[in-house]
Amino acid sequence: MKTKLVYFAWVRERIGRSDEEIEVPDGVVTVGELLNHLKARGEEYEAALQYPEAIRVAIDHEHVGHGEPLGTPREIALFPPMTGG
């Protein structure tokens, strides 16, 4: 399944790109499994996803937990926790 991934803030900076389209392997069915798969793609991904529990994820613009099934999304966004005031 080809899926567009979009990266924000320091996730984008560490990976070195704002987005990409990847082929998600058949065995990767949850958000958490996707994060683990990405982390194994190279040093820049490992640096960005060093603490996967800190990464927030949105599937087709809807925030989801790491146990959420991926389904057939058009877009998956990864970003760090938001702060502000």
PDB file of N, CA and C in Angstrom:
ATOM      1  N   MET A   1       0.850  -1.176   0.000  1.00  0.00           N
ATOM      2  CA  MET A   1       0.000   0.000   0.000  1.00  0.00           C
ATOM      3  C   MET A   1       0.894   1.237   0.000  1.00  0.00           C
ATOM      4  N   LYS A   2       0.754   2.104  -0.975  1.00  0.00           N
ATOM      5  CA  LYS A   2       1.493   3.376  -1.023  1.00  0.00           C
ATOM      6  C   LYS A   2       0.763   4.402  -0.162  1.00  0.00           C
ATOM      7  N   THR A   3       1.518   5.084   0.670  1.00  0.00           N
ATOM      8  CA  THR A   3       0.940   6.069   1.576  1.00  0.00           C
ATOM      9  C   THR A   3       1.843   7.289   1.644  1.00  0.00           C
ATOM     10  N   LYS A   4       1.234   8.460   1.689  1.00  0.00           N
ATOM     11  CA  LYS A   4       1.998   9.697   1.850  1.00  0.00           C
ATOM     12  C   LYS A   4       2.220   9.945   3.335  1.00  0.00           C
ATOM     13  N   LEU A   5       3.477  10.149   3.711  1.00  0.00           N
ATOM     14  CA  LEU A   5       3.835  10.502   5.077  1.00  0.00           C
ATOM     15  C   LEU A   5       4.243  11.968   5.086  1.00  0.00           C
ATOM     16  N   VAL A   6       3.774  12.692   6.087  1.00  0.00           N
ATOM     17  CA  VAL A   6       4.101  14.108   6.240  1.00  0.00           C
ATOM     18  C   VAL A   6       4.731  14.283   7.615  1.00  0.00           C
ATOM     19  N   TYR A   7       5.862  14.984   7.659  1.00  0.00           N
ATOM     20  CA  TYR A   7       6.608  15.177   8.903  1.00  0.00           C
ATOM     21  C   TYR A   7       6.598  16.651   9.300  1.00  0.00           C
ATOM     22  N   PHE A   8       6.475  16.901  10.613  1.00  0.00           N
ATOM     23  CA  PHE A   8       6.411  18.270  11.115  1.00  0.00           C
ATOM     24  C   PHE A   8       7.456  18.513  12.192  1.00  0.00           C
ATOM     25  N   ALA A   9       7.833  19.789  12.347  1.00  0.00           N
ATOM     26  CA  ALA A   9       8.719  20.292  13.408  1.00  0.00           C
ATOM     27  C   ALA A   9      10.023  19.493  13.450  1.00  0.00           C
ATOM     28  N   TRP A  10      10.463  19.089  14.648  1.00  0.00           N
ATOM     29  CA  TRP A  10      11.764  18.435  14.735  1.00  0.00           C
ATOM     30  C   TRP A  10      11.775  17.042  14.126  1.00  0.00           C
ATOM     31  N   VAL A  11      10.615  16.425  13.939  1.00  0.00           N
ATOM     32  CA  VAL A  11      10.577  15.146  13.219  1.00  0.00           C
ATOM     33  C   VAL A  11      11.054  15.391  11.781  1.00  0.00           C
ATOM     34  N   ARG A  12      10.529  16.429  11.152  1.00  0.00           N
ATOM     35  CA  ARG A  12      10.924  16.808   9.787  1.00  0.00           C
ATOM     36  C   ARG A  12      12.415  17.150   9.737  1.00  0.00           C
ATOM     37  N   GLU A  13      12.875  17.920  10.704  1.00  0.00           N
ATOM     38  CA  GLU A  13      14.278  18.339  10.716  1.00  0.00           C
ATOM     39  C   GLU A  13      15.226  17.158  10.842  1.00  0.00           C
ATOM     40  N   ARG A  14      14.898  16.198  11.675  1.00  0.00           N
ATOM     41  CA  ARG A  14      15.782  15.044  11.886  1.00  0.00           C
ATOM     42  C   ARG A  14      15.757  14.084  10.703  1.00  0.00           C
ATOM     43  N   ILE A  15      14.588  13.907  10.087  1.00  0.00           N
ATOM     44  CA  ILE A  15      14.491  13.020   8.931  1.00  0.00           C
ATOM     45  C   ILE A  15      15.086  13.694   7.694  1.00  0.00           C
ATOM     46  N   GLY A  16      14.963  15.026   7.624  1.00  0.00           N
ATOM     47  CA  GLY A  16      15.556  15.760   6.523  1.00  0.00           C
ATOM     48  C   GLY A  16      14.639  15.949   5.333  1.00  0.00           C
ATOM     49  N   ARG A  17      13.368  15.750   5.532  1.00  0.00           N
ATOM     50  CA  ARG A  17      12.382  15.987   4.468  1.00  0.00           C
ATOM     51  C   ARG A  17      11.026  16.260   5.107  1.00  0.00           C
ATOM     52  N   SER A  18      10.169  16.961   4.368  1.00  0.00           N
ATOM     53  CA  SER A  18       8.851  17.308   4.901  1.00  0.00           C
ATOM     54  C   SER A  18       7.805  16.249   4.596  1.00  0.00           C
ATOM     55  N   ASP A  19       8.020  15.469   3.542  1.00  0.00           N
ATOM     56  CA  ASP A  19       7.066  14.412   3.220  1.00  0.00           C
ATOM     57  C   ASP A  19       7.706  13.410   2.279  1.00  0.00           C
ATOM     58  N   GLU A  20       7.052  12.285   2.132  1.00  0.00           N
ATOM     59  CA  GLU A  20       7.482  11.256   1.195  1.00  0.00           C
ATOM     60  C   GLU A  20       6.342  10.267   1.006  1.00  0.00           C
ATOM     61  N   GLU A  21       6.413   9.515  -0.063  1.00  0.00           N
ATOM     62  CA  GLU A  21       5.453   8.456  -0.305  1.00  0.00           C
ATOM     63  C   GLU A  21       6.201   7.140  -0.171  1.00  0.00           C
ATOM     64  N   ILE A  22       5.650   6.238   0.654  1.00  0.00           N
ATOM     65  CA  ILE A  22       6.312   4.956   0.866  1.00  0.00           C
ATOM     66  C   ILE A  22       5.326   3.823   0.630  1.00  0.00           C
ATOM     67  N   GLU A  23       5.893   2.665   0.399  1.00  0.00           N
ATOM     68  CA  GLU A  23       5.123   1.428   0.312  1.00  0.00           C
ATOM     69  C   GLU A  23       5.131   0.822   1.713  1.00  0.00           C
ATOM     70  N   VAL A  24       3.964   0.746   2.351  1.00  0.00           N
ATOM     71  CA  VAL A  24       3.880   0.173   3.692  1.00  0.00           C
ATOM     72  C   VAL A  24       3.833  -1.352   3.547  1.00  0.00           C
ATOM     73  N   PRO A  25       4.751  -2.084   4.192  1.00  0.00           N
ATOM     74  CA  PRO A  25       4.751  -3.546   4.090  1.00  0.00           C
ATOM     75  C   PRO A  25       3.449  -4.154   4.610  1.00  0.00           C
ATOM     76  N   ASP A  26       3.072  -5.293   4.048  1.00  0.00           N
ATOM     77  CA  ASP A  26       1.822  -5.953   4.427  1.00  0.00           C
ATOM     78  C   ASP A  26       1.732  -6.255   5.915  1.00  0.00           C
ATOM     79  N   GLY A  27       2.840  -6.597   6.560  1.00  0.00           N
ATOM     80  CA  GLY A  27       2.809  -6.943   7.977  1.00  0.00           C
ATOM     81  C   GLY A  27       2.679  -5.759   8.919  1.00  0.00           C
ATOM     82  N   VAL A  28       2.736  -4.550   8.395  1.00  0.00           N
ATOM     83  CA  VAL A  28       2.628  -3.329   9.211  1.00  0.00           C
ATOM     84  C   VAL A  28       1.172  -2.882   9.187  1.00  0.00           C
ATOM     85  N   VAL A  29       0.462  -3.132  10.297  1.00  0.00           N
ATOM     86  CA  VAL A  29      -0.984  -2.865  10.289  1.00  0.00           C
ATOM     87  C   VAL A  29      -1.444  -1.820  11.298  1.00  0.00           C
ATOM     88  N   THR A  30      -0.579  -1.447  12.253  1.00  0.00           N
ATOM     89  CA  THR A  30      -0.968  -0.426  13.231  1.00  0.00           C
ATOM     90  C   THR A  30      -0.010   0.764  13.151  1.00  0.00           C
ATOM     91  N   VAL A  31      -0.418   1.855  13.758  1.00  0.00           N
ATOM     92  CA  VAL A  31       0.425   3.054  13.818  1.00  0.00           C
ATOM     93  C   VAL A  31       1.751   2.733  14.505  1.00  0.00           C
ATOM     94  N   GLY A  32       1.704   2.019  15.616  1.00  0.00           N
ATOM     95  CA  GLY A  32       2.927   1.661  16.332  1.00  0.00           C
ATOM     96  C   GLY A  32       3.875   0.829  15.484  1.00  0.00           C
ATOM     97  N   GLU A  33       3.317  -0.114  14.719  1.00  0.00           N
ATOM     98  CA  GLU A  33       4.141  -0.931  13.836  1.00  0.00           C
ATOM     99  C   GLU A  33       4.759  -0.079  12.724  1.00  0.00           C
ATOM    100  N   LEU A  34       4.018   0.907  12.246  1.00  0.00           N
ATOM    101  CA  LEU A  34       4.562   1.813  11.233  1.00  0.00           C
ATOM    102  C   LEU A  34       5.736   2.604  11.797  1.00  0.00           C
ATOM    103  N   LEU A  35       5.597   3.116  13.010  1.00  0.00           N
ATOM    104  CA  LEU A  35       6.696   3.864  13.629  1.00  0.00           C
ATOM    105  C   LEU A  35       7.935   2.987  13.769  1.00  0.00           C
ATOM    106  N   ASN A  36       7.754   1.729  14.190  1.00  0.00           N
ATOM    107  CA  ASN A  36       8.891   0.809  14.310  1.00  0.00           C
ATOM    108  C   ASN A  36       9.513   0.516  12.948  1.00  0.00           C
ATOM    109  N   HIS A  37       8.676   0.361  11.938  1.00  0.00           N
ATOM    110  CA  HIS A  37       9.172   0.128  10.577  1.00  0.00           C
ATOM    111  C   HIS A  37      10.007   1.325  10.101  1.00  0.00           C
ATOM    112  N   LEU A  38       9.487   2.523  10.312  1.00  0.00           N
ATOM    113  CA  LEU A  38      10.207   3.724   9.878  1.00  0.00           C
ATOM    114  C   LEU A  38      11.534   3.873  10.615  1.00  0.00           C
ATOM    115  N   LYS A  39      11.516   3.585  11.902  1.00  0.00           N
ATOM    116  CA  LYS A  39      12.709   3.728  12.735  1.00  0.00           C
ATOM    117  C   LYS A  39      13.862   2.883  12.194  1.00  0.00           C
ATOM    118  N   ALA A  40      13.535   1.771  11.538  1.00  0.00           N
ATOM    119  CA  ALA A  40      14.552   0.867  11.009  1.00  0.00           C
ATOM    120  C   ALA A  40      15.049   1.278   9.623  1.00  0.00           C
ATOM    121  N   ARG A  41      14.560   2.386   9.075  1.00  0.00           N
ATOM    122  CA  ARG A  41      14.922   2.802   7.716  1.00  0.00           C
ATOM    123  C   ARG A  41      16.252   3.542   7.617  1.00  0.00           C
ATOM    124  N   GLY A  42      16.848   3.893   8.742  1.00  0.00           N
ATOM    125  CA  GLY A  42      18.139   4.579   8.688  1.00  0.00           C
ATOM    126  C   GLY A  42      18.348   5.475   9.892  1.00  0.00           C
ATOM    127  N   GLU A  43      19.562   6.016   9.974  1.00  0.00           N
ATOM    128  CA  GLU A  43      19.941   6.840  11.128  1.00  0.00           C
ATOM    129  C   GLU A  43      19.025   8.030  11.344  1.00  0.00           C
ATOM    130  N   GLU A  44      18.655   8.721  10.261  1.00  0.00           N
ATOM    131  CA  GLU A  44      17.821   9.906  10.417  1.00  0.00           C
ATOM    132  C   GLU A  44      16.437   9.561  10.961  1.00  0.00           C
ATOM    133  N   TYR A  45      15.891   8.421  10.547  1.00  0.00           N
ATOM    134  CA  TYR A  45      14.582   7.996  11.064  1.00  0.00           C
ATOM    135  C   TYR A  45      14.710   7.559  12.521  1.00  0.00           C
ATOM    136  N   GLU A  46      15.787   6.845  12.824  1.00  0.00           N
ATOM    137  CA  GLU A  46      16.006   6.414  14.198  1.00  0.00           C
ATOM    138  C   GLU A  46      16.143   7.614  15.129  1.00  0.00           C
ATOM    139  N   ALA A  47      16.833   8.661  14.669  1.00  0.00           N
ATOM    140  CA  ALA A  47      16.979   9.870  15.483  1.00  0.00           C
ATOM    141  C   ALA A  47      15.631  10.555  15.689  1.00  0.00           C
ATOM    142  N   ALA A  48      14.823  10.608  14.644  1.00  0.00           N
ATOM    143  CA  ALA A  48      13.522  11.277  14.740  1.00  0.00           C
ATOM    144  C   ALA A  48      12.533  10.489  15.586  1.00  0.00           C
ATOM    145  N   LEU A  49      12.657   9.168  15.557  1.00  0.00           N
ATOM    146  CA  LEU A  49      11.673   8.313  16.228  1.00  0.00           C
ATOM    147  C   LEU A  49      12.274   7.577  17.414  1.00  0.00           C
ATOM    148  N   GLN A  50      13.316   8.152  17.982  1.00  0.00           N
ATOM    149  CA  GLN A  50      14.015   7.545  19.114  1.00  0.00           C
ATOM    150  C   GLN A  50      13.068   7.239  20.270  1.00  0.00           C
ATOM    151  N   TYR A  51      12.122   8.118  20.488  1.00  0.00           N
ATOM    152  CA  TYR A  51      11.123   7.930  21.544  1.00  0.00           C
ATOM    153  C   TYR A  51       9.741   7.907  20.895  1.00  0.00           C
ATOM    154  N   PRO A  52       9.350   6.772  20.312  1.00  0.00           N
ATOM    155  CA  PRO A  52       8.105   6.719  19.550  1.00  0.00           C
ATOM    156  C   PRO A  52       6.870   7.104  20.366  1.00  0.00           C
ATOM    157  N   GLU A  53       6.922   6.863  21.670  1.00  0.00           N
ATOM    158  CA  GLU A  53       5.767   7.216  22.506  1.00  0.00           C
ATOM    159  C   GLU A  53       5.519   8.723  22.531  1.00  0.00           C
ATOM    160  N   ALA A  54       6.522   9.509  22.186  1.00  0.00           N
ATOM    161  CA  ALA A  54       6.374  10.968  22.167  1.00  0.00           C
ATOM    162  C   ALA A  54       5.814  11.475  20.838  1.00  0.00           C
ATOM    163  N   ILE A  55       5.761  10.620  19.832  1.00  0.00           N
ATOM    164  CA  ILE A  55       5.314  11.039  18.507  1.00  0.00           C
ATOM    165  C   ILE A  55       3.797  11.002  18.425  1.00  0.00           C
ATOM    166  N   ARG A  56       3.238  12.098  17.977  1.00  0.00           N
ATOM    167  CA  ARG A  56       1.789  12.172  17.734  1.00  0.00           C
ATOM    168  C   ARG A  56       1.551  11.816  16.279  1.00  0.00           C
ATOM    169  N   VAL A  57       0.412  11.186  16.008  1.00  0.00           N
ATOM    170  CA  VAL A  57       0.114  10.729  14.654  1.00  0.00           C
ATOM    171  C   VAL A  57      -1.307  11.107  14.282  1.00  0.00           C
ATOM    172  N   ALA A  58      -1.480  11.512  13.036  1.00  0.00           N
ATOM    173  CA  ALA A  58      -2.815  11.775  12.491  1.00  0.00           C
ATOM    174  C   ALA A  58      -2.946  10.995  11.187  1.00  0.00           C
ATOM    175  N   ILE A  59      -4.049  10.294  11.067  1.00  0.00           N
ATOM    176  CA  ILE A  59      -4.369   9.591   9.827  1.00  0.00           C
ATOM    177  C   ILE A  59      -5.473  10.372   9.148  1.00  0.00           C
ATOM    178  N   ASP A  60      -5.212  10.818   7.939  1.00  0.00           N
ATOM    179  CA  ASP A  60      -6.172  11.631   7.182  1.00  0.00           C
ATOM    180  C   ASP A  60      -6.764  12.751   8.049  1.00  0.00           C
ATOM    181  N   HIS A  61      -5.863  13.459   8.747  1.00  0.00           N
ATOM    182  CA  HIS A  61      -6.172  14.655   9.550  1.00  0.00           C
ATOM    183  C   HIS A  61      -6.920  14.358  10.855  1.00  0.00           C
ATOM    184  N   GLU A  62      -6.934  13.092  11.285  1.00  0.00           N
ATOM    185  CA  GLU A  62      -7.583  12.742  12.553  1.00  0.00           C
ATOM    186  C   GLU A  62      -6.554  12.117  13.481  1.00  0.00           C
ATOM    187  N   HIS A  63      -6.394  12.707  14.687  1.00  0.00           N
ATOM    188  CA  HIS A  63      -5.432  12.181  15.653  1.00  0.00           C
ATOM    189  C   HIS A  63      -5.829  10.769  16.059  1.00  0.00           C
ATOM    190  N   VAL A  64      -4.814   9.892  16.140  1.00  0.00           N
ATOM    191  CA  VAL A  64      -5.060   8.499  16.501  1.00  0.00           C
ATOM    192  C   VAL A  64      -3.989   8.028  17.474  1.00  0.00           C
ATOM    193  N   GLY A  65      -4.304   6.962  18.182  1.00  0.00           N
ATOM    194  CA  GLY A  65      -3.339   6.341  19.081  1.00  0.00           C
ATOM    195  C   GLY A  65      -2.445   5.380  18.329  1.00  0.00           C
ATOM    196  N   HIS A  66      -1.403   4.922  18.992  1.00  0.00           N
ATOM    197  CA  HIS A  66      -0.429   4.043  18.349  1.00  0.00           C
ATOM    198  C   HIS A  66      -0.970   2.646  18.089  1.00  0.00           C
ATOM    199  N   GLY A  67      -2.056   2.267  18.751  1.00  0.00           N
ATOM    200  CA  GLY A  67      -2.666   0.961  18.521  1.00  0.00           C
ATOM    201  C   GLY A  67      -3.683   0.970  17.391  1.00  0.00           C
ATOM    202  N   GLU A  68      -3.928   2.129  16.835  1.00  0.00           N
ATOM    203  CA  GLU A  68      -4.931   2.289  15.768  1.00  0.00           C
ATOM    204  C   GLU A  68      -4.506   1.548  14.498  1.00  0.00           C
ATOM    205  N   PRO A  69      -5.431   0.782  13.891  1.00  0.00           N
ATOM    206  CA  PRO A  69      -5.108   0.165  12.596  1.00  0.00           C
ATOM    207  C   PRO A  69      -4.898   1.239  11.531  1.00  0.00           C
ATOM    208  N   LEU A  70      -3.960   0.993  10.624  1.00  0.00           N
ATOM    209  CA  LEU A  70      -3.674   1.962   9.564  1.00  0.00           C
ATOM    210  C   LEU A  70      -4.807   2.035   8.544  1.00  0.00           C
ATOM    211  N   GLY A  71      -5.414   0.911   8.211  1.00  0.00           N
ATOM    212  CA  GLY A  71      -6.431   0.921   7.167  1.00  0.00           C
ATOM    213  C   GLY A  71      -5.800   1.275   5.831  1.00  0.00           C
ATOM    214  N   THR A  72      -6.489   2.109   5.058  1.00  0.00           N
ATOM    215  CA  THR A  72      -5.973   2.548   3.753  1.00  0.00           C
ATOM    216  C   THR A  72      -5.971   4.072   3.690  1.00  0.00           C
ATOM    217  N   PRO A  73      -5.083   4.701   4.460  1.00  0.00           N
ATOM    218  CA  PRO A  73      -5.066   6.162   4.527  1.00  0.00           C
ATOM    219  C   PRO A  73      -4.473   6.804   3.280  1.00  0.00           C
ATOM    220  N   ARG A  74      -4.897   8.028   3.024  1.00  0.00           N
ATOM    221  CA  ARG A  74      -4.260   8.837   1.985  1.00  0.00           C
ATOM    222  C   ARG A  74      -3.014   9.507   2.528  1.00  0.00           C
ATOM    223  N   GLU A  75      -3.075   9.888   3.840  1.00  0.00           N
ATOM    224  CA  GLU A  75      -1.962  10.629   4.429  1.00  0.00           C
ATOM    225  C   GLU A  75      -1.820  10.287   5.902  1.00  0.00           C
ATOM    226  N   ILE A  76      -0.568  10.144   6.330  1.00  0.00           N
ATOM    227  CA  ILE A  76      -0.257   9.945   7.741  1.00  0.00           C
ATOM    228  C   ILE A  76       0.731  11.027   8.129  1.00  0.00           C
ATOM    229  N   ALA A  77       0.397  11.791   9.159  1.00  0.00           N
ATOM    230  CA  ALA A  77       1.255  12.876   9.631  1.00  0.00           C
ATOM    231  C   ALA A  77       1.893  12.483  10.958  1.00  0.00           C
ATOM    232  N   LEU A  78       3.183  12.776  11.094  1.00  0.00           N
ATOM    233  CA  LEU A  78       3.921  12.512  12.321  1.00  0.00           C
ATOM    234  C   LEU A  78       4.482  13.822  12.832  1.00  0.00           C
ATOM    235  N   PHE A  79       4.272  14.063  14.125  1.00  0.00           N
ATOM    236  CA  PHE A  79       4.760  15.305  14.708  1.00  0.00           C
ATOM    237  C   PHE A  79       4.970  15.135  16.197  1.00  0.00           C
ATOM    238  N   PRO A  80       5.826  15.991  16.781  1.00  0.00           N
ATOM    239  CA  PRO A  80       6.075  15.930  18.218  1.00  0.00           C
ATOM    240  C   PRO A  80       4.900  16.530  18.980  1.00  0.00           C
ATOM    241  N   PRO A  81       4.881  16.310  20.294  1.00  0.00           N
ATOM    242  CA  PRO A  81       3.827  16.927  21.091  1.00  0.00           C
ATOM    243  C   PRO A  81       3.822  18.441  20.899  1.00  0.00           C
ATOM    244  N   MET A  82       2.652  19.018  20.908  1.00  0.00           N
ATOM    245  CA  MET A  82       2.536  20.467  20.729  1.00  0.00           C
ATOM    246  C   MET A  82       2.592  21.158  22.069  1.00  0.00           C
ATOM    247  N   THR A  83       3.208  22.307  22.050  1.00  0.00           N
ATOM    248  CA  THR A  83       3.217  23.157  23.232  1.00  0.00           C
ATOM    249  C   THR A  83       2.727  24.511  22.820  1.00  0.00           C
ATOM    250  N   GLY A  84       2.398  25.288  23.749  1.00  0.00           N
ATOM    251  CA  GLY A  84       1.944  26.628  23.412  1.00  0.00           C
ATOM    252  C   GLY A  84       1.283  27.287  24.596  1.00  0.00           C
ATOM    253  N   GLY A  85       0.802  28.448  24.354  1.00  0.00           N
ATOM    254  CA  GLY A  85       0.194  29.149  25.471  1.00  0.00           C
ATOM    255  C   GLY A  85      -0.677  30.257  25.004  1.00  0.00           C
TER     256      GLY A  85
END
